[in-house]
Amino acid sequence: MMITHARSSTLLGAAVLGVAVALLGACSGGERGDPLASPDGRKILRVAYEREVAVLNAFTSQMLVDIHFSMVEGLVTTDENNTYVPVLAKAIPSLDNGGIVENADGTIEMTWELQEGVRWHDGEVFTSEDVCFTWDFVTAEGSQVYNRDWYLGITDCAAPDEHTVVFTWDGPYGYYAGLFEAILPEHVLGGMTTEENVNYTPYNRGDELVGTGPFVFDEWRSGEYIRVVRNEDYWRGPEVPAIEEIVWSFIPDSNTRLNAMKARQYHYARLEPTHVEEVRELPGYTTHLVSSNTFMHLDLSLNTERAETLFSDPDVRRAVFLAIDRDAIANQLMEGTVRVADTPINPTSPYHNPDVVASRYDPDEARRLLDAAGWVEGPDGIRTKDGQRFAFTMLNRAGTADRIAIAQVIQAQLKQVGVEVDFRTLESAAWTQTWRSFDWEAVVSAWFLPADPSFTGLYSCGGPNNMTGFCDPELDEVMRASDRGLAFETRKPVLDEAQRRLAGDARMLPIYYNVIPEVVSERVVGYEGSGTNFGSFWNLWEWDLRVQ
C-alpha cells in the first residue's frame, strides 16, 4: 500500500500506525490483512451478489436463482456446455432410452427415475410425491410461476413408487428437459391453497425453506446478505460439499462491486461489460466472459391510456426503433463486448434465425414515419398529435447500471426525432410489482431463454410473462407449434418463422446478446461458467477453496 500524505515525524505516530496495521490483520483473519481469509480457517465462499432477492421460492422469484439453487435442487440443471444434465433424476428420458413413449392417441408418457437415498434438509425422505406436488403447484391458477404455460401440456402426474414419476403429456414438447429445475417439499407446503403457498413467508424468507441441495439456509439479514451452510447429510456423499459456508452479500451498485473485487473482498462477482478492462489483469483473479442466453431488449406497452395512444400504430413503433442506434450501444456503451441482437435466440444456438433483422438505425426514416402518422414537431422540438405530446416514461430498476445506461442512450436518441422520455426508477421488489401490475409504458429488460429455446410464455396472448398488452393470435399459433416437437428437424423451421413474425410485429426491440463478465478468485476450484438461466453455480457441490 502506498500512502501519499505527509509522513509522521513522531514516535507516537509510528506506534499508532503499527497498532492500526496489526488490528487490520487481526480483523481480516489472515496474514498480511488477507480480507478473504477466515479467522478460524473455515472455507467460506464470499459472493458479491448484484441484488437482494425478493423470495426464496425458485418458481415465483423473478430474479436470478443462484442463491435458491445452492439449497434447492430439481430434476435437472444445465452445465457449462448449455446442456441439460440430471440432478434428482437418474437420467433425462428420451425416445432412445425408452423414457418417452408415444401413444396411439398422440399423448406422450414420460418416465423419470429418481435418485435414491435423498433427504430434505429436515430429514424427511424425498419421493416422487414431492415431484407431483410441485407439478400441482406450478400449474395451478395464480401460482405466479414465470414459465407456468410450459407445464400445462402435462395432463397427469403419477407416482407408481417412491422413486418413479410418470408424466402424461397431451403431445410432444421440445422443451420438456428444462422443466422442474426445482422441487418443492410437500411436507412443508402441502395442504395450503395456491395463494397461501405463494405468500408463505416462512418458506419465502428461509425459516422453513428445506431443499435437498448441498447447502442449508442459515440467515437472511435484509439489505446485507444471505448465509447458507454445508449440508452435512448431502446425498452425493460425505466428502461434498467441500465449502463450509457461503455468504451472498447484496451489492446492487456495480461500481461498488467492482471496487470490492479490486480490494479482494470477495471470491466471485458478476460485473458489467464496461468493467472488463479494469479487472482483466487483476492479480489473483480470472475474468471469464460467459456467453449468455440472455438478450437485452426494449419493451413497449399498450397497458396505460397514454401507451396505447402512442404505441398502438405499428409504424410508430417502427419509427421509435429506427431512431435507436443499437450498434452504438453495443460498440461504444458496452465497449464492443456484446453483439447486436435481432431475435431472442442467441446465434450460438442452432435454433437462431440469421435472416431476421429486427430494425436498423435510420433517424430520417423515423422522422418520416412519425410525420406520416400525424405526429408533428412542436416549438420545443417534441412531437404532438391531437393535443397529446409524444412523451412516455421508462421504468428502471435501481442498481441495474447497464439497463439504466441503455435507457439514457435511448432517451437521448429519441429526443433527436422529437420523442420525450423520462424515467421512473424503483427498487427491485417495487419494480417487479409495478411491472406485474401492468402500470408502465416502456422498459429496458433482459430475458433468459432455456437451452432448448421457447419464447411462447414471453410473447403469447396472456402468456405468464407477457406484461405488454400486445397480442398476435397468428404469432401465438406459430410459437405453440414450435414448442410441439421433439426433433430438431421439426422445431427449427417453425422457430425460424416465429422469430420472423416477432420481428415483424415491432412490439419489442432486441438490443444485444449479453456477455456476463464473471470475476472469480484463483482460489476457487470447480467453477465452470454457464450462460444459461440456471447460472454458473450449477455445480456448487463440486466447488472448493484453496487455502493460502
Protein backbone atom coordinates (compact mmCIF):
# COMPACT_ATOMS: atom_id res chain seq x y z
CA MET A 1 0.00 0.00 0.00
CA MET A 2 1.28 3.45 -0.87
CA ILE A 3 0.47 6.39 1.42
CA THR A 4 0.69 9.72 -0.35
CA HIS A 5 0.13 12.12 2.54
CA ALA A 6 2.97 13.55 4.67
CA ARG A 7 4.96 11.19 6.89
CA SER A 8 4.56 11.44 10.70
CA SER A 9 7.68 12.73 12.47
CA THR A 10 6.82 11.39 15.90
CA LEU A 11 7.27 8.02 17.58
CA LEU A 12 3.61 8.23 18.67
CA GLY A 13 2.51 8.47 15.07
CA ALA A 14 4.59 5.43 14.16
CA ALA A 15 3.19 3.49 17.11
CA VAL A 16 -0.41 4.32 16.19
CA LEU A 17 0.25 3.27 12.60
CA GLY A 18 1.74 -0.03 13.81
CA VAL A 19 -1.28 -0.77 16.00
CA ALA A 20 -3.64 0.04 13.14
CA VAL A 21 -1.84 -2.35 10.82
CA ALA A 22 -1.89 -5.08 13.46
CA LEU A 23 -5.61 -4.59 14.05
CA LEU A 24 -6.28 -4.69 10.34
CA GLY A 25 -4.53 -8.04 10.09
CA ALA A 26 -6.40 -9.41 13.12
CA CYS A 27 -9.79 -8.26 11.86
CA SER A 28 -9.27 -9.75 8.43
CA GLY A 29 -8.28 -13.07 9.94
CA GLY A 30 -5.20 -13.81 7.88
CA GLU A 31 -1.61 -12.93 7.29
CA ARG A 32 -0.91 -9.51 5.79
CA GLY A 33 -4.54 -8.49 6.30
CA ASP A 34 -5.95 -11.01 3.82
CA PRO A 35 -9.63 -9.98 3.51
CA LEU A 36 -10.68 -13.41 2.19
CA ALA A 37 -9.14 -15.47 4.98
CA SER A 38 -11.48 -16.88 7.64
CA PRO A 39 -10.28 -16.30 11.24
CA ASP A 40 -10.88 -19.96 12.15
CA GLY A 41 -9.60 -21.39 8.89
CA ARG A 42 -13.05 -22.45 7.64
CA LYS A 43 -13.75 -22.49 3.92
CA ILE A 44 -16.18 -19.60 3.43
CA LEU A 45 -17.08 -18.61 -0.12
CA ARG A 46 -17.82 -14.90 -0.33
CA VAL A 47 -20.02 -13.75 -3.24
CA ALA A 48 -20.64 -10.13 -4.21
CA TYR A 49 -24.22 -10.55 -5.43
CA GLU A 50 -25.88 -7.96 -7.63
CA ARG A 51 -29.21 -7.63 -5.88
CA GLU A 52 -31.21 -8.79 -2.92
CA VAL A 53 -33.69 -11.48 -3.87
CA ALA A 54 -37.36 -10.97 -3.08
CA VAL A 55 -38.30 -14.55 -2.14
CA LEU A 56 -36.55 -17.92 -1.92
CA ASN A 57 -39.22 -19.84 -3.84
CA ALA A 58 -37.33 -20.57 -7.06
CA PHE A 59 -40.57 -20.75 -9.03
CA THR A 60 -42.04 -17.39 -8.02
CA SER A 61 -38.82 -15.40 -7.85
CA GLN A 62 -38.47 -13.03 -10.79
CA MET A 63 -34.70 -12.83 -10.38
CA LEU A 64 -31.66 -14.99 -10.85
CA VAL A 65 -31.91 -18.07 -8.64
CA ASP A 66 -28.26 -18.76 -7.80
CA ILE A 67 -28.94 -18.45 -4.08
CA HIS A 68 -32.01 -20.66 -4.29
CA PHE A 69 -30.17 -23.37 -6.21
CA SER A 70 -27.45 -23.59 -3.57
CA MET A 71 -30.16 -25.10 -1.35
CA VAL A 72 -32.90 -26.36 -3.66
CA GLU A 73 -32.41 -28.89 -6.44
CA GLY A 74 -34.55 -30.01 -9.34
CA LEU A 75 -34.77 -32.95 -11.67
CA VAL A 76 -32.25 -31.25 -13.98
CA THR A 77 -29.85 -28.38 -14.38
CA THR A 78 -27.67 -27.10 -17.22
CA ASP A 79 -23.90 -27.41 -17.36
CA GLU A 80 -21.15 -25.24 -18.83
CA ASN A 81 -21.90 -26.59 -22.30
CA ASN A 82 -25.51 -25.36 -22.32
CA THR A 83 -26.62 -28.98 -21.97
CA TYR A 84 -29.24 -30.39 -19.63
CA VAL A 85 -27.88 -32.83 -17.05
CA PRO A 86 -29.82 -34.85 -14.45
CA VAL A 87 -29.71 -33.97 -10.75
CA LEU A 88 -32.52 -35.54 -8.70
CA ALA A 89 -33.33 -37.62 -11.77
CA LYS A 90 -31.06 -40.53 -12.64
CA ALA A 91 -31.33 -39.74 -16.35
CA ILE A 92 -33.27 -37.46 -18.69
CA PRO A 93 -35.90 -39.51 -20.50
CA SER A 94 -35.74 -39.76 -24.28
CA LEU A 95 -37.09 -41.87 -27.11
CA ASP A 96 -33.72 -43.59 -27.34
CA ASN A 97 -33.53 -44.68 -23.69
CA GLY A 98 -37.17 -45.69 -23.53
CA GLY A 99 -38.15 -42.96 -21.08
CA ILE A 100 -40.53 -41.43 -23.65
CA VAL A 101 -43.34 -43.46 -25.21
CA GLU A 102 -45.60 -42.04 -27.92
CA ASN A 103 -49.16 -43.34 -27.57
CA ALA A 104 -51.52 -44.03 -30.47
CA ASP A 105 -53.80 -41.16 -29.41
CA GLY A 106 -50.94 -38.65 -29.71
CA THR A 107 -50.25 -38.36 -25.99
CA ILE A 108 -46.81 -38.90 -24.51
CA GLU A 109 -45.83 -40.91 -21.45
CA MET A 110 -42.58 -39.76 -19.90
CA THR A 111 -40.95 -41.71 -17.07
CA TRP A 112 -38.39 -40.14 -14.72
CA GLU A 113 -36.42 -42.44 -12.42
CA LEU A 114 -35.36 -40.56 -9.26
CA GLN A 115 -32.19 -40.73 -7.19
CA GLU A 116 -32.48 -42.86 -4.08
CA GLY A 117 -31.31 -42.02 -0.57
CA VAL A 118 -32.13 -38.30 -0.92
CA ARG A 119 -33.39 -36.44 2.13
CA TRP A 120 -34.71 -32.95 2.63
CA HIS A 121 -32.69 -30.74 4.95
CA ASP A 122 -35.06 -31.54 7.83
CA GLY A 123 -34.50 -35.29 7.41
CA GLU A 124 -37.71 -36.15 5.55
CA VAL A 125 -37.30 -38.51 2.59
CA PHE A 126 -37.55 -37.02 -0.90
CA THR A 127 -40.02 -39.01 -3.02
CA SER A 128 -41.95 -38.92 -6.26
CA GLU A 129 -44.88 -37.41 -4.36
CA ASP A 130 -42.83 -34.22 -3.98
CA VAL A 131 -42.45 -34.05 -7.76
CA CYS A 132 -46.18 -34.43 -8.35
CA PHE A 133 -46.89 -31.84 -5.65
CA THR A 134 -44.56 -29.43 -7.44
CA TRP A 135 -46.45 -30.03 -10.69
CA ASP A 136 -49.75 -29.35 -8.91
CA PHE A 137 -48.47 -26.05 -7.56
CA VAL A 138 -46.82 -24.83 -10.76
CA THR A 139 -49.87 -25.48 -12.95
CA ALA A 140 -52.40 -24.02 -10.51
CA GLU A 141 -54.08 -20.73 -11.38
CA GLY A 142 -52.37 -17.89 -9.55
CA SER A 143 -49.10 -19.71 -8.94
CA GLN A 144 -47.15 -16.75 -10.39
CA VAL A 145 -44.64 -19.16 -11.92
CA TYR A 146 -42.78 -17.38 -14.72
CA ASN A 147 -42.98 -20.35 -17.13
CA ARG A 148 -46.26 -21.90 -15.96
CA ASP A 149 -47.51 -22.30 -19.53
CA TRP A 150 -44.68 -24.73 -20.31
CA TYR A 151 -46.09 -27.17 -17.74
CA LEU A 152 -49.69 -27.06 -18.92
CA GLY A 153 -49.09 -29.76 -21.54
CA ILE A 154 -48.73 -32.24 -18.67
CA THR A 155 -52.19 -33.65 -18.02
CA ASP A 156 -51.31 -36.14 -15.27
CA CYS A 157 -48.54 -36.94 -12.81
CA ALA A 158 -48.38 -40.46 -11.39
CA ALA A 159 -46.10 -41.83 -8.68
CA PRO A 160 -46.11 -45.63 -9.06
CA ASP A 161 -43.41 -45.89 -6.40
CA GLU A 162 -41.25 -43.57 -4.29
CA HIS A 163 -38.56 -43.26 -6.95
CA THR A 164 -40.56 -43.15 -10.19
CA VAL A 165 -42.60 -40.34 -11.73
CA VAL A 166 -44.69 -40.74 -14.89
CA PHE A 167 -45.97 -37.65 -16.66
CA THR A 168 -48.68 -37.84 -19.28
CA TRP A 169 -48.41 -35.06 -21.87
CA ASP A 170 -51.12 -34.07 -24.34
CA GLY A 171 -48.48 -34.16 -27.09
CA PRO A 172 -44.75 -33.72 -27.73
CA TYR A 173 -42.98 -30.64 -26.32
CA GLY A 174 -39.38 -29.99 -27.25
CA TYR A 175 -38.51 -28.06 -24.09
CA TYR A 176 -39.55 -30.79 -21.62
CA ALA A 177 -35.98 -31.42 -20.41
CA GLY A 178 -35.70 -27.91 -18.97
CA LEU A 179 -38.67 -28.16 -16.61
CA PHE A 180 -38.70 -28.96 -12.89
CA GLU A 181 -35.50 -27.05 -12.20
CA ALA A 182 -36.59 -27.05 -8.56
CA ILE A 183 -38.71 -29.39 -6.45
CA LEU A 184 -40.88 -28.20 -3.58
CA PRO A 185 -41.33 -30.11 -0.28
CA GLU A 186 -44.87 -31.42 0.04
CA HIS A 187 -44.48 -31.99 3.78
CA VAL A 188 -43.84 -28.25 4.28
CA LEU A 189 -46.12 -26.66 1.68
CA GLY A 190 -48.83 -29.29 1.24
CA GLY A 191 -52.34 -28.57 2.46
CA MET A 192 -52.22 -24.88 1.55
CA THR A 193 -54.05 -23.03 -1.18
CA THR A 194 -52.01 -21.74 -4.12
CA GLU A 195 -52.27 -18.19 -2.80
CA GLU A 196 -51.11 -19.29 0.63
CA ASN A 197 -48.14 -21.09 -0.89
CA VAL A 198 -47.15 -18.06 -2.99
CA ASN A 199 -47.26 -15.82 0.06
CA TYR A 200 -45.96 -18.24 2.70
CA THR A 201 -43.34 -16.09 4.39
CA PRO A 202 -41.59 -18.83 6.45
CA TYR A 203 -40.62 -20.61 3.22
CA ASN A 204 -40.08 -17.49 1.11
CA ARG A 205 -37.79 -15.92 3.70
CA GLY A 206 -35.92 -19.08 4.61
CA ASP A 207 -37.04 -20.11 8.11
CA GLU A 208 -38.93 -23.15 6.76
CA LEU A 209 -37.06 -23.48 3.48
CA VAL A 210 -35.82 -27.01 3.08
CA GLY A 211 -34.22 -28.38 -0.05
CA THR A 212 -32.11 -31.35 -1.00
CA GLY A 213 -29.12 -29.27 -2.09
CA PRO A 214 -25.55 -29.06 -0.84
CA PHE A 215 -26.22 -26.07 1.42
CA VAL A 216 -28.78 -25.29 4.11
CA PHE A 217 -30.37 -21.93 4.89
CA ASP A 218 -28.83 -20.24 7.94
CA GLU A 219 -29.55 -16.50 7.97
CA TRP A 220 -31.07 -13.67 5.94
CA ARG A 221 -30.12 -10.19 7.07
CA SER A 222 -32.24 -7.84 4.99
CA GLY A 223 -30.26 -5.39 2.94
CA GLU A 224 -26.98 -7.16 3.73
CA TYR A 225 -26.64 -10.86 2.98
CA ILE A 226 -27.96 -14.42 2.96
CA ARG A 227 -25.79 -17.07 4.61
CA VAL A 228 -26.01 -20.78 3.79
CA VAL A 229 -24.02 -23.56 5.45
CA ARG A 230 -22.84 -27.02 4.48
CA ASN A 231 -25.44 -29.79 4.29
CA GLU A 232 -23.87 -32.47 6.49
CA ASP A 233 -26.19 -35.13 5.11
CA TYR A 234 -25.91 -34.39 1.39
CA TRP A 235 -27.00 -37.31 -0.75
CA ARG A 236 -23.97 -37.24 -3.06
CA GLY A 237 -21.70 -38.34 -0.20
CA PRO A 238 -19.99 -37.11 2.98
CA GLU A 239 -16.98 -35.65 1.12
CA VAL A 240 -19.06 -32.93 -0.58
CA PRO A 241 -19.54 -30.08 -0.49
CA ALA A 242 -16.01 -29.09 0.47
CA ILE A 243 -17.02 -25.47 1.09
CA GLU A 244 -18.42 -24.99 4.57
CA GLU A 245 -20.33 -21.75 4.17
CA ILE A 246 -21.40 -19.25 1.51
CA VAL A 247 -22.16 -15.60 2.22
CA TRP A 248 -24.15 -13.94 -0.56
CA SER A 249 -23.62 -10.22 0.06
CA PHE A 250 -26.08 -7.87 -1.64
CA ILE A 251 -24.19 -5.17 -3.56
CA PRO A 252 -26.59 -3.75 -6.15
CA ASP A 253 -24.31 -0.94 -7.29
CA SER A 254 -21.98 -2.30 -9.97
CA ASN A 255 -19.21 0.20 -9.24
CA THR A 256 -19.24 -0.81 -5.59
CA ARG A 257 -18.94 -4.46 -6.63
CA LEU A 258 -16.06 -3.53 -8.92
CA ASN A 259 -14.20 -1.74 -6.14
CA ALA A 260 -14.87 -4.59 -3.70
CA MET A 261 -13.29 -7.06 -6.13
CA LYS A 262 -10.30 -4.79 -6.63
CA ALA A 263 -9.91 -4.80 -2.85
CA ARG A 264 -10.01 -8.63 -2.87
CA GLN A 265 -13.01 -8.74 -0.53
CA TYR A 266 -14.92 -11.44 -2.42
CA HIS A 267 -14.22 -14.64 -4.33
CA TYR A 268 -16.83 -14.04 -7.03
CA ALA A 269 -18.77 -11.23 -8.67
CA ARG A 270 -20.68 -10.57 -11.84
CA LEU A 271 -19.68 -7.20 -13.26
CA GLU A 272 -20.67 -5.04 -16.22
CA PRO A 273 -19.12 -5.39 -19.68
CA THR A 274 -17.77 -1.86 -19.24
CA HIS A 275 -15.69 -3.07 -16.26
CA VAL A 276 -13.80 -5.77 -18.12
CA GLU A 277 -10.68 -3.78 -18.85
CA GLU A 278 -10.36 -2.74 -15.20
CA VAL A 279 -10.31 -6.31 -13.91
CA ARG A 280 -8.79 -8.24 -16.79
CA GLU A 281 -5.33 -8.19 -15.16
CA LEU A 282 -6.49 -8.18 -11.53
CA PRO A 283 -3.90 -10.23 -9.58
CA GLY A 284 -5.27 -13.43 -8.11
CA TYR A 285 -8.45 -13.38 -10.23
CA THR A 286 -9.61 -14.57 -13.63
CA THR A 287 -12.21 -12.68 -15.64
CA HIS A 288 -14.47 -15.04 -17.58
CA LEU A 289 -16.63 -13.63 -20.41
CA VAL A 290 -19.56 -16.03 -20.32
CA SER A 291 -21.73 -16.10 -23.43
CA SER A 292 -25.25 -15.81 -22.11
CA ASN A 293 -28.67 -16.99 -23.23
CA THR A 294 -30.00 -13.57 -22.26
CA PHE A 295 -30.87 -10.80 -24.65
CA MET A 296 -31.27 -7.16 -23.69
CA HIS A 297 -34.33 -5.55 -25.22
CA LEU A 298 -36.68 -2.58 -25.16
CA ASP A 299 -40.30 -3.48 -24.41
CA LEU A 300 -43.15 -1.14 -25.28
CA SER A 301 -46.55 -1.43 -23.61
CA LEU A 302 -50.20 -0.94 -24.52
CA ASN A 303 -51.38 -1.07 -20.92
CA THR A 304 -51.81 2.58 -19.99
CA GLU A 305 -54.03 5.03 -21.84
CA ARG A 306 -51.01 7.05 -22.91
CA ALA A 307 -49.08 3.97 -24.03
CA GLU A 308 -51.99 2.81 -26.17
CA THR A 309 -52.23 6.24 -27.79
CA LEU A 310 -48.51 6.24 -28.59
CA PHE A 311 -47.75 2.64 -29.49
CA SER A 312 -50.87 1.04 -30.98
CA ASP A 313 -49.72 2.03 -34.50
CA PRO A 314 -47.03 -0.42 -35.70
CA ASP A 315 -45.49 2.24 -37.95
CA VAL A 316 -44.98 4.48 -34.92
CA ARG A 317 -43.31 1.61 -33.07
CA ARG A 318 -41.05 1.04 -36.08
CA ALA A 319 -40.19 4.74 -36.06
CA VAL A 320 -39.16 4.54 -32.40
CA PHE A 321 -36.93 1.55 -33.17
CA LEU A 322 -35.39 3.21 -36.25
CA ALA A 323 -34.28 6.10 -34.04
CA ILE A 324 -32.24 3.81 -31.76
CA ASP A 325 -28.62 3.14 -32.69
CA ARG A 326 -28.02 -0.36 -31.37
CA ASP A 327 -24.54 -0.55 -32.89
CA ALA A 328 -23.53 2.48 -30.81
CA ILE A 329 -24.93 0.85 -27.68
CA ALA A 330 -23.04 -2.40 -28.34
CA ASN A 331 -19.74 -0.98 -29.58
CA GLN A 332 -19.44 2.26 -27.62
CA LEU A 333 -21.50 1.99 -24.44
CA MET A 334 -20.69 -1.71 -23.96
CA GLU A 335 -17.19 -1.24 -25.40
CA GLY A 336 -17.57 -3.95 -28.03
CA THR A 337 -18.02 -6.78 -25.53
CA VAL A 338 -21.53 -7.66 -26.78
CA ARG A 339 -23.22 -8.44 -30.10
CA VAL A 340 -26.28 -6.68 -31.53
CA ALA A 341 -29.38 -8.87 -31.30
CA ASP A 342 -32.15 -9.34 -33.84
CA THR A 343 -34.09 -12.23 -32.29
CA PRO A 344 -34.45 -13.61 -28.76
CA ILE A 345 -32.33 -16.65 -29.68
CA ASN A 346 -28.55 -16.32 -29.41
CA PRO A 347 -26.52 -17.05 -32.58
CA THR A 348 -24.70 -19.77 -30.62
CA SER A 349 -27.95 -21.78 -30.71
CA PRO A 350 -28.76 -23.92 -33.74
CA TYR A 351 -32.30 -22.54 -33.48
CA HIS A 352 -31.20 -18.97 -34.27
CA ASN A 353 -32.61 -17.48 -37.48
CA PRO A 354 -29.78 -15.48 -39.09
CA ASP A 355 -32.05 -13.97 -41.75
CA VAL A 356 -34.10 -11.89 -39.32
CA VAL A 357 -33.29 -8.18 -38.99
CA ALA A 358 -35.28 -6.52 -36.21
CA SER A 359 -34.51 -2.92 -37.19
CA ARG A 360 -31.79 -0.61 -38.46
CA TYR A 361 -30.60 2.83 -37.45
CA ASP A 362 -32.27 5.40 -39.71
CA PRO A 363 -33.42 8.55 -37.86
CA ASP A 364 -34.52 10.22 -41.11
CA GLU A 365 -36.88 7.34 -41.85
CA ALA A 366 -38.06 7.52 -38.24
CA ARG A 367 -38.96 11.19 -38.71
CA ARG A 368 -40.76 10.43 -41.99
CA LEU A 369 -42.88 7.70 -40.39
CA LEU A 370 -43.77 9.92 -37.45
CA ASP A 371 -44.74 12.76 -39.79
CA ALA A 372 -46.90 10.38 -41.82
CA ALA A 373 -48.63 9.19 -38.64
CA GLY A 374 -49.60 12.78 -37.77
CA TRP A 375 -47.02 13.37 -35.05
CA VAL A 376 -45.84 16.91 -35.81
CA GLU A 377 -42.81 18.53 -34.21
CA GLY A 378 -43.81 21.31 -31.79
CA PRO A 379 -41.99 24.54 -30.91
CA ASP A 380 -39.96 22.80 -28.17
CA GLY A 381 -38.94 20.02 -30.56
CA ILE A 382 -41.31 17.40 -29.07
CA ARG A 383 -43.93 15.98 -31.40
CA THR A 384 -47.66 16.34 -30.74
CA LYS A 385 -50.86 14.92 -32.17
CA ASP A 386 -54.40 15.96 -31.23
CA GLY A 387 -53.02 17.83 -28.23
CA GLN A 388 -51.05 14.79 -26.98
CA ARG A 389 -47.28 15.12 -26.59
CA PHE A 390 -45.18 12.17 -27.73
CA ALA A 391 -43.79 11.58 -24.25
CA PHE A 392 -43.61 8.43 -22.18
CA THR A 393 -41.99 7.06 -19.03
CA MET A 394 -39.33 4.35 -18.90
CA LEU A 395 -39.48 2.05 -15.86
CA ASN A 396 -35.98 1.44 -14.44
CA ARG A 397 -34.83 -0.98 -11.76
CA ALA A 398 -32.43 0.63 -9.27
CA GLY A 399 -28.94 -0.86 -9.30
CA THR A 400 -29.08 -2.19 -12.87
CA ALA A 401 -26.39 0.12 -14.20
CA ASP A 402 -26.27 -1.44 -17.66
CA ARG A 403 -30.02 -1.14 -18.27
CA ILE A 404 -30.19 2.38 -16.91
CA ALA A 405 -27.26 3.41 -19.11
CA ILE A 406 -29.02 1.92 -22.15
CA ALA A 407 -32.22 3.74 -21.21
CA GLN A 408 -30.29 7.01 -21.04
CA VAL A 409 -28.83 6.45 -24.52
CA ILE A 410 -32.31 5.66 -25.87
CA GLN A 411 -33.66 8.78 -24.17
CA ALA A 412 -31.05 10.95 -25.92
CA GLN A 413 -31.51 9.29 -29.30
CA LEU A 414 -35.32 9.54 -29.26
CA LYS A 415 -35.13 13.20 -28.38
CA GLN A 416 -33.36 13.74 -31.72
CA VAL A 417 -36.55 12.68 -33.55
CA GLY A 418 -38.94 14.60 -31.28
CA VAL A 419 -39.82 11.93 -28.70
CA GLU A 420 -39.56 12.73 -24.99
CA VAL A 421 -38.63 10.06 -22.43
CA ASP A 422 -38.48 10.41 -18.67
CA PHE A 423 -37.62 7.82 -16.02
CA ARG A 424 -39.27 6.17 -13.05
CA THR A 425 -36.69 4.26 -11.00
CA LEU A 426 -37.78 1.77 -8.34
CA GLU A 427 -36.07 -0.68 -6.01
CA SER A 428 -36.17 -4.28 -7.16
CA ALA A 429 -39.27 -5.52 -5.32
CA ALA A 430 -41.28 -2.40 -6.19
CA TRP A 431 -40.11 -2.64 -9.80
CA THR A 432 -41.34 -6.24 -10.06
CA GLN A 433 -44.71 -5.37 -8.52
CA THR A 434 -45.18 -2.42 -10.88
CA TRP A 435 -44.16 -4.45 -13.92
CA ARG A 436 -46.50 -7.29 -12.97
CA SER A 437 -49.36 -4.84 -12.39
CA PHE A 438 -49.01 -3.54 -15.99
CA ASP A 439 -48.51 0.02 -14.73
CA TRP A 440 -45.73 1.02 -17.13
CA GLU A 441 -45.13 2.23 -20.68
CA ALA A 442 -41.62 1.12 -21.61
CA VAL A 443 -38.80 -0.83 -20.03
CA VAL A 444 -35.28 -1.98 -20.85
CA SER A 445 -35.04 -5.54 -19.61
CA ALA A 446 -33.44 -8.91 -20.28
CA TRP A 447 -34.84 -12.40 -20.68
CA PHE A 448 -33.08 -15.70 -20.21
CA LEU A 449 -34.06 -18.42 -22.66
CA PRO A 450 -33.60 -22.10 -21.84
CA ALA A 451 -31.10 -24.27 -23.68
CA ASP A 452 -33.99 -25.67 -25.75
CA PRO A 453 -35.49 -22.28 -26.57
CA SER A 454 -39.11 -21.28 -26.28
CA PHE A 455 -40.40 -17.73 -26.03
CA THR A 456 -44.11 -18.55 -26.08
CA GLY A 457 -44.54 -17.58 -22.44
CA LEU A 458 -42.94 -14.21 -23.11
CA TYR A 459 -44.95 -13.11 -26.13
CA SER A 460 -48.14 -15.15 -26.43
CA CYS A 461 -51.52 -13.57 -25.74
CA GLY A 462 -51.99 -13.94 -21.99
CA GLY A 463 -48.54 -15.51 -21.57
CA PRO A 464 -47.37 -15.54 -17.93
CA ASN A 465 -44.57 -13.08 -18.70
CA ASN A 466 -46.28 -11.01 -21.37
CA MET A 467 -46.91 -7.83 -19.40
CA THR A 468 -47.01 -5.64 -22.51
CA GLY A 469 -50.64 -5.92 -23.57
CA PHE A 470 -49.64 -6.98 -27.10
CA CYS A 471 -51.46 -9.93 -28.64
CA ASP A 472 -50.98 -11.55 -32.06
CA PRO A 473 -53.03 -14.76 -32.43
CA GLU A 474 -51.18 -15.74 -35.62
CA LEU A 475 -47.83 -15.45 -33.85
CA ASP A 476 -49.28 -17.49 -30.98
CA GLU A 477 -50.15 -20.30 -33.35
CA VAL A 478 -46.61 -20.44 -34.74
CA MET A 479 -44.96 -20.23 -31.31
CA ARG A 480 -47.09 -23.04 -29.93
CA ALA A 481 -46.34 -25.16 -32.97
CA SER A 482 -42.62 -24.53 -32.37
CA ASP A 483 -42.99 -25.95 -28.88
CA ARG A 484 -44.66 -29.15 -30.01
CA GLY A 485 -41.83 -31.17 -31.45
CA LEU A 486 -39.15 -33.43 -30.05
CA ALA A 487 -36.85 -33.44 -33.10
CA PHE A 488 -34.64 -30.55 -34.19
CA GLU A 489 -35.75 -31.03 -37.80
CA THR A 490 -39.35 -30.45 -36.71
CA ARG A 491 -38.78 -27.45 -34.47
CA LYS A 492 -36.16 -25.49 -36.40
CA PRO A 493 -38.27 -24.22 -39.36
CA VAL A 494 -41.18 -23.32 -37.10
CA LEU A 495 -38.94 -21.43 -34.65
CA ASP A 496 -37.43 -19.62 -37.65
CA GLU A 497 -40.91 -18.46 -38.63
CA ALA A 498 -41.74 -17.44 -35.05
CA GLN A 499 -38.61 -15.26 -34.91
CA ARG A 500 -39.53 -13.66 -38.25
CA ARG A 501 -43.10 -12.89 -37.16
CA LEU A 502 -41.99 -11.49 -33.82
CA ALA A 503 -39.66 -9.04 -35.55
CA GLY A 504 -42.43 -8.09 -37.97
CA ASP A 505 -44.76 -7.14 -35.11
CA ALA A 506 -42.29 -4.44 -33.94
CA ARG A 507 -43.54 -4.92 -30.38
CA MET A 508 -40.10 -5.16 -28.78
CA LEU A 509 -36.61 -4.24 -29.96
CA PRO A 510 -33.78 -6.71 -29.28
CA ILE A 511 -30.68 -4.68 -28.39
CA TYR A 512 -27.83 -7.11 -27.75
CA TYR A 513 -26.95 -10.59 -26.59
CA ASN A 514 -25.46 -10.46 -23.15
CA VAL A 515 -21.96 -11.42 -22.23
CA ILE A 516 -21.60 -11.89 -18.48
CA PRO A 517 -18.22 -10.91 -17.02
CA GLU A 518 -17.67 -13.19 -14.04
CA VAL A 519 -14.63 -12.38 -11.92
CA VAL A 520 -13.52 -15.43 -9.95
CA SER A 521 -10.72 -15.81 -7.42
CA GLU A 522 -7.99 -18.24 -8.43
CA ARG A 523 -8.57 -19.92 -5.08
CA VAL A 524 -11.93 -21.22 -6.32
CA VAL A 525 -11.76 -24.78 -7.59
CA GLY A 526 -14.53 -26.30 -9.71
CA TYR A 527 -16.01 -23.17 -11.28
CA GLU A 528 -17.48 -23.88 -14.73
CA GLY A 529 -19.16 -20.76 -16.11
CA SER A 530 -22.61 -21.27 -17.64
CA GLY A 531 -24.62 -18.72 -19.59
CA THR A 532 -27.96 -20.45 -19.14
CA ASN A 533 -30.87 -19.33 -16.98
CA PHE A 534 -29.63 -21.74 -14.28
CA GLY A 535 -26.34 -19.85 -13.96
CA SER A 536 -22.72 -20.59 -13.11
CA PHE A 537 -23.39 -22.00 -9.63
CA TRP A 538 -24.94 -25.12 -11.17
CA ASN A 539 -22.22 -27.39 -9.71
CA LEU A 540 -21.60 -25.74 -6.31
CA TRP A 541 -21.36 -29.15 -4.68
CA GLU A 542 -18.08 -29.64 -6.57
CA TRP A 543 -16.54 -26.29 -5.65
CA ASP A 544 -13.66 -25.96 -3.22
CA LEU A 545 -11.39 -23.19 -1.92
CA ARG A 546 -7.63 -23.42 -1.97
CA VAL A 547 -6.19 -22.41 1.37
CA GLN A 548 -3.49 -19.75 1.04
